[in-house]
Amino acid sequence: MSDEVEAAYGWVEKKVAFKPPMLGWQTALKDGLLEVGEFPYNGFTYDHINGTKIGGTIFDDAGQRHTAANLLEYSNPNSIAVYLHATVHKILFTTKGI
């Protein structure tokens, strides 16, 4: 089960998360943290790990913002039902037919 969750997160990250540009002040802050001993430097990663790192952003290289709604372009519109003003108590997912 955890392998499936990891794969799903990896797929979503490829579609709506991006490596941000490092601005001057961000580089200075990172370098300052490393200088005072906040290690290790983990570079760019989505992983939740101790130390300094560069995390992802929802803005692509062109400055376009991406959200979960962007994932709908990969869906099958014939299999999605949208109910307005509905209260959700449970969401069931199936992998049949995939």
C-alpha atoms as a PDB file:
ATOM      1  CA  MET A   1       0.000   0.000   0.000  1.00  0.00           C
ATOM      2  CA  SER A   2       2.769   2.484   0.860  1.00  0.00           C
ATOM      3  CA  ASP A   3       4.362   1.814  -2.556  1.00  0.00           C
ATOM      4  CA  GLU A   4       1.107   2.840  -4.237  1.00  0.00           C
ATOM      5  CA  VAL A   5       0.931   6.024  -2.163  1.00  0.00           C
ATOM      6  CA  GLU A   6       4.563   6.876  -2.984  1.00  0.00           C
ATOM      7  CA  ALA A   7       3.868   6.305  -6.690  1.00  0.00           C
ATOM      8  CA  ALA A   8       0.771   8.526  -6.532  1.00  0.00           C
ATOM      9  CA  TYR A   9       2.701  11.335  -4.807  1.00  0.00           C
ATOM     10  CA  GLY A  10       5.477  11.007  -7.372  1.00  0.00           C
ATOM     11  CA  TRP A  11       2.995  11.300 -10.232  1.00  0.00           C
ATOM     12  CA  VAL A  12       1.301  14.367  -8.726  1.00  0.00           C
ATOM     13  CA  GLU A  13       4.670  16.032  -8.065  1.00  0.00           C
ATOM     14  CA  LYS A  14       5.625  15.570 -11.729  1.00  0.00           C
ATOM     15  CA  LYS A  15       2.385  17.240 -12.842  1.00  0.00           C
ATOM     16  CA  VAL A  16       1.898  20.177 -10.435  1.00  0.00           C
ATOM     17  CA  ALA A  17       5.148  20.716  -8.503  1.00  0.00           C
ATOM     18  CA  PHE A  18       8.334  22.262  -9.830  1.00  0.00           C
ATOM     19  CA  LYS A  19      11.885  23.123  -8.788  1.00  0.00           C
ATOM     20  CA  PRO A  20      11.915  26.840  -7.957  1.00  0.00           C
ATOM     21  CA  PRO A  21      14.594  29.284  -9.052  1.00  0.00           C
ATOM     22  CA  MET A  22      16.945  30.260  -6.223  1.00  0.00           C
ATOM     23  CA  LEU A  23      16.811  34.019  -5.715  1.00  0.00           C
ATOM     24  CA  GLY A  24      19.728  35.917  -4.250  1.00  0.00           C
ATOM     25  CA  TRP A  25      18.266  36.267  -0.760  1.00  0.00           C
ATOM     26  CA  GLN A  26      17.319  32.569  -0.707  1.00  0.00           C
ATOM     27  CA  THR A  27      20.857  31.542  -1.602  1.00  0.00           C
ATOM     28  CA  ALA A  28      22.215  33.874   1.106  1.00  0.00           C
ATOM     29  CA  LEU A  29      19.837  32.374   3.705  1.00  0.00           C
ATOM     30  CA  LYS A  30      20.760  28.805   2.707  1.00  0.00           C
ATOM     31  CA  ASP A  31      24.474  29.628   2.827  1.00  0.00           C
ATOM     32  CA  GLY A  32      24.013  31.317   6.224  1.00  0.00           C
ATOM     33  CA  LEU A  33      22.260  28.269   7.662  1.00  0.00           C
ATOM     34  CA  LEU A  34      25.033  26.011   6.411  1.00  0.00           C
ATOM     35  CA  GLU A  35      27.686  28.368   7.811  1.00  0.00           C
ATOM     36  CA  VAL A  36      26.222  28.169  11.319  1.00  0.00           C
ATOM     37  CA  GLY A  37      26.083  24.377  11.139  1.00  0.00           C
ATOM     38  CA  GLU A  38      22.549  23.536  10.013  1.00  0.00           C
ATOM     39  CA  PHE A  39      23.402  20.342   8.129  1.00  0.00           C
ATOM     40  CA  PRO A  40      23.065  18.373   6.016  1.00  0.00           C
ATOM     41  CA  TYR A  41      22.459  20.315   2.820  1.00  0.00           C
ATOM     42  CA  ASN A  42      19.973  18.143   0.920  1.00  0.00           C
ATOM     43  CA  GLY A  43      19.636  20.181  -2.275  1.00  0.00           C
ATOM     44  CA  PHE A  44      16.320  20.043  -4.117  1.00  0.00           C
ATOM     45  CA  THR A  45      13.951  17.412  -2.755  1.00  0.00           C
ATOM     46  CA  TYR A  46      10.294  16.855  -1.960  1.00  0.00           C
ATOM     47  CA  ASP A  47      11.233  14.536   0.909  1.00  0.00           C
ATOM     48  CA  HIS A  48      10.506  15.575   4.493  1.00  0.00           C
ATOM     49  CA  ILE A  49      13.996  15.275   5.936  1.00  0.00           C
ATOM     50  CA  ASN A  50      16.069  17.146   8.508  1.00  0.00           C
ATOM     51  CA  GLY A  51      18.575  19.734   7.384  1.00  0.00           C
ATOM     52  CA  THR A  52      18.414  22.425   4.755  1.00  0.00           C
ATOM     53  CA  LYS A  53      16.819  21.795   1.410  1.00  0.00           C
ATOM     54  CA  ILE A  54      15.094  23.430  -1.516  1.00  0.00           C
ATOM     55  CA  GLY A  55      11.453  22.379  -1.659  1.00  0.00           C
ATOM     56  CA  GLY A  56       9.043  22.391  -4.571  1.00  0.00           C
ATOM     57  CA  THR A  57       6.736  25.143  -5.750  1.00  0.00           C
ATOM     58  CA  ILE A  58       3.400  25.141  -7.560  1.00  0.00           C
ATOM     59  CA  PHE A  59       4.694  27.800  -9.985  1.00  0.00           C
ATOM     60  CA  ASP A  60       6.347  26.570 -13.181  1.00  0.00           C
ATOM     61  CA  ASP A  61       9.267  28.241 -15.014  1.00  0.00           C
ATOM     62  CA  ALA A  62       6.850  30.565 -16.830  1.00  0.00           C
ATOM     63  CA  GLY A  63       5.289  31.736 -13.543  1.00  0.00           C
ATOM     64  CA  GLN A  64       2.062  29.789 -14.171  1.00  0.00           C
ATOM     65  CA  ARG A  65       0.418  28.537 -10.967  1.00  0.00           C
ATOM     66  CA  HIS A  66      -0.627  24.874 -10.900  1.00  0.00           C
ATOM     67  CA  THR A  67      -3.160  23.314  -8.513  1.00  0.00           C
ATOM     68  CA  ALA A  68      -4.948  20.007  -8.047  1.00  0.00           C
ATOM     69  CA  ALA A  69      -7.498  21.231 -10.606  1.00  0.00           C
ATOM     70  CA  ASN A  70      -4.764  20.846 -13.250  1.00  0.00           C
ATOM     71  CA  LEU A  71      -4.846  17.102 -12.627  1.00  0.00           C
ATOM     72  CA  LEU A  72      -8.323  16.960 -14.190  1.00  0.00           C
ATOM     73  CA  GLU A  73      -6.790  17.176 -17.659  1.00  0.00           C
ATOM     74  CA  TYR A  74      -5.490  13.622 -17.099  1.00  0.00           C
ATOM     75  CA  SER A  75      -8.883  12.253 -16.091  1.00  0.00           C
ATOM     76  CA  ASN A  76     -11.614  10.576 -18.060  1.00  0.00           C
ATOM     77  CA  PRO A  77     -14.447  13.139 -18.104  1.00  0.00           C
ATOM     78  CA  ASN A  78     -17.011  10.380 -18.716  1.00  0.00           C
ATOM     79  CA  SER A  79     -16.219   8.839 -15.336  1.00  0.00           C
ATOM     80  CA  ILE A  80     -16.453  12.018 -13.227  1.00  0.00           C
ATOM     81  CA  ALA A  81     -19.672  13.216 -11.603  1.00  0.00           C
ATOM     82  CA  VAL A  82     -19.791  16.619  -9.926  1.00  0.00           C
ATOM     83  CA  TYR A  83     -22.491  17.329  -7.356  1.00  0.00           C
ATOM     84  CA  LEU A  84     -22.866  20.927  -6.275  1.00  0.00           C
ATOM     85  CA  HIS A  85     -23.800  21.742  -2.672  1.00  0.00           C
ATOM     86  CA  ALA A  86     -23.318  18.103  -1.602  1.00  0.00           C
ATOM     87  CA  THR A  87     -21.904  16.977   1.725  1.00  0.00           C
ATOM     88  CA  VAL A  88     -19.236  14.298   1.410  1.00  0.00           C
ATOM     89  CA  HIS A  89     -18.913  11.636   4.071  1.00  0.00           C
ATOM     90  CA  LYS A  90     -16.672   9.177   2.232  1.00  0.00           C
ATOM     91  CA  ILE A  91     -14.697   8.986  -1.027  1.00  0.00           C
ATOM     92  CA  LEU A  92     -14.147   5.568  -2.590  1.00  0.00           C
ATOM     93  CA  PHE A  93     -11.507   4.953  -5.247  1.00  0.00           C
ATOM     94  CA  THR A  94     -11.206   1.920  -7.477  1.00  0.00           C
ATOM     95  CA  THR A  95      -8.499   0.774  -9.865  1.00  0.00           C
ATOM     96  CA  LYS A  96     -10.757  -1.533 -11.880  1.00  0.00           C
ATOM     97  CA  GLY A  97     -10.428  -1.070 -15.603  1.00  0.00           C
ATOM     98  CA  ILE A  98      -7.137   0.791 -15.364  1.00  0.00           C
END
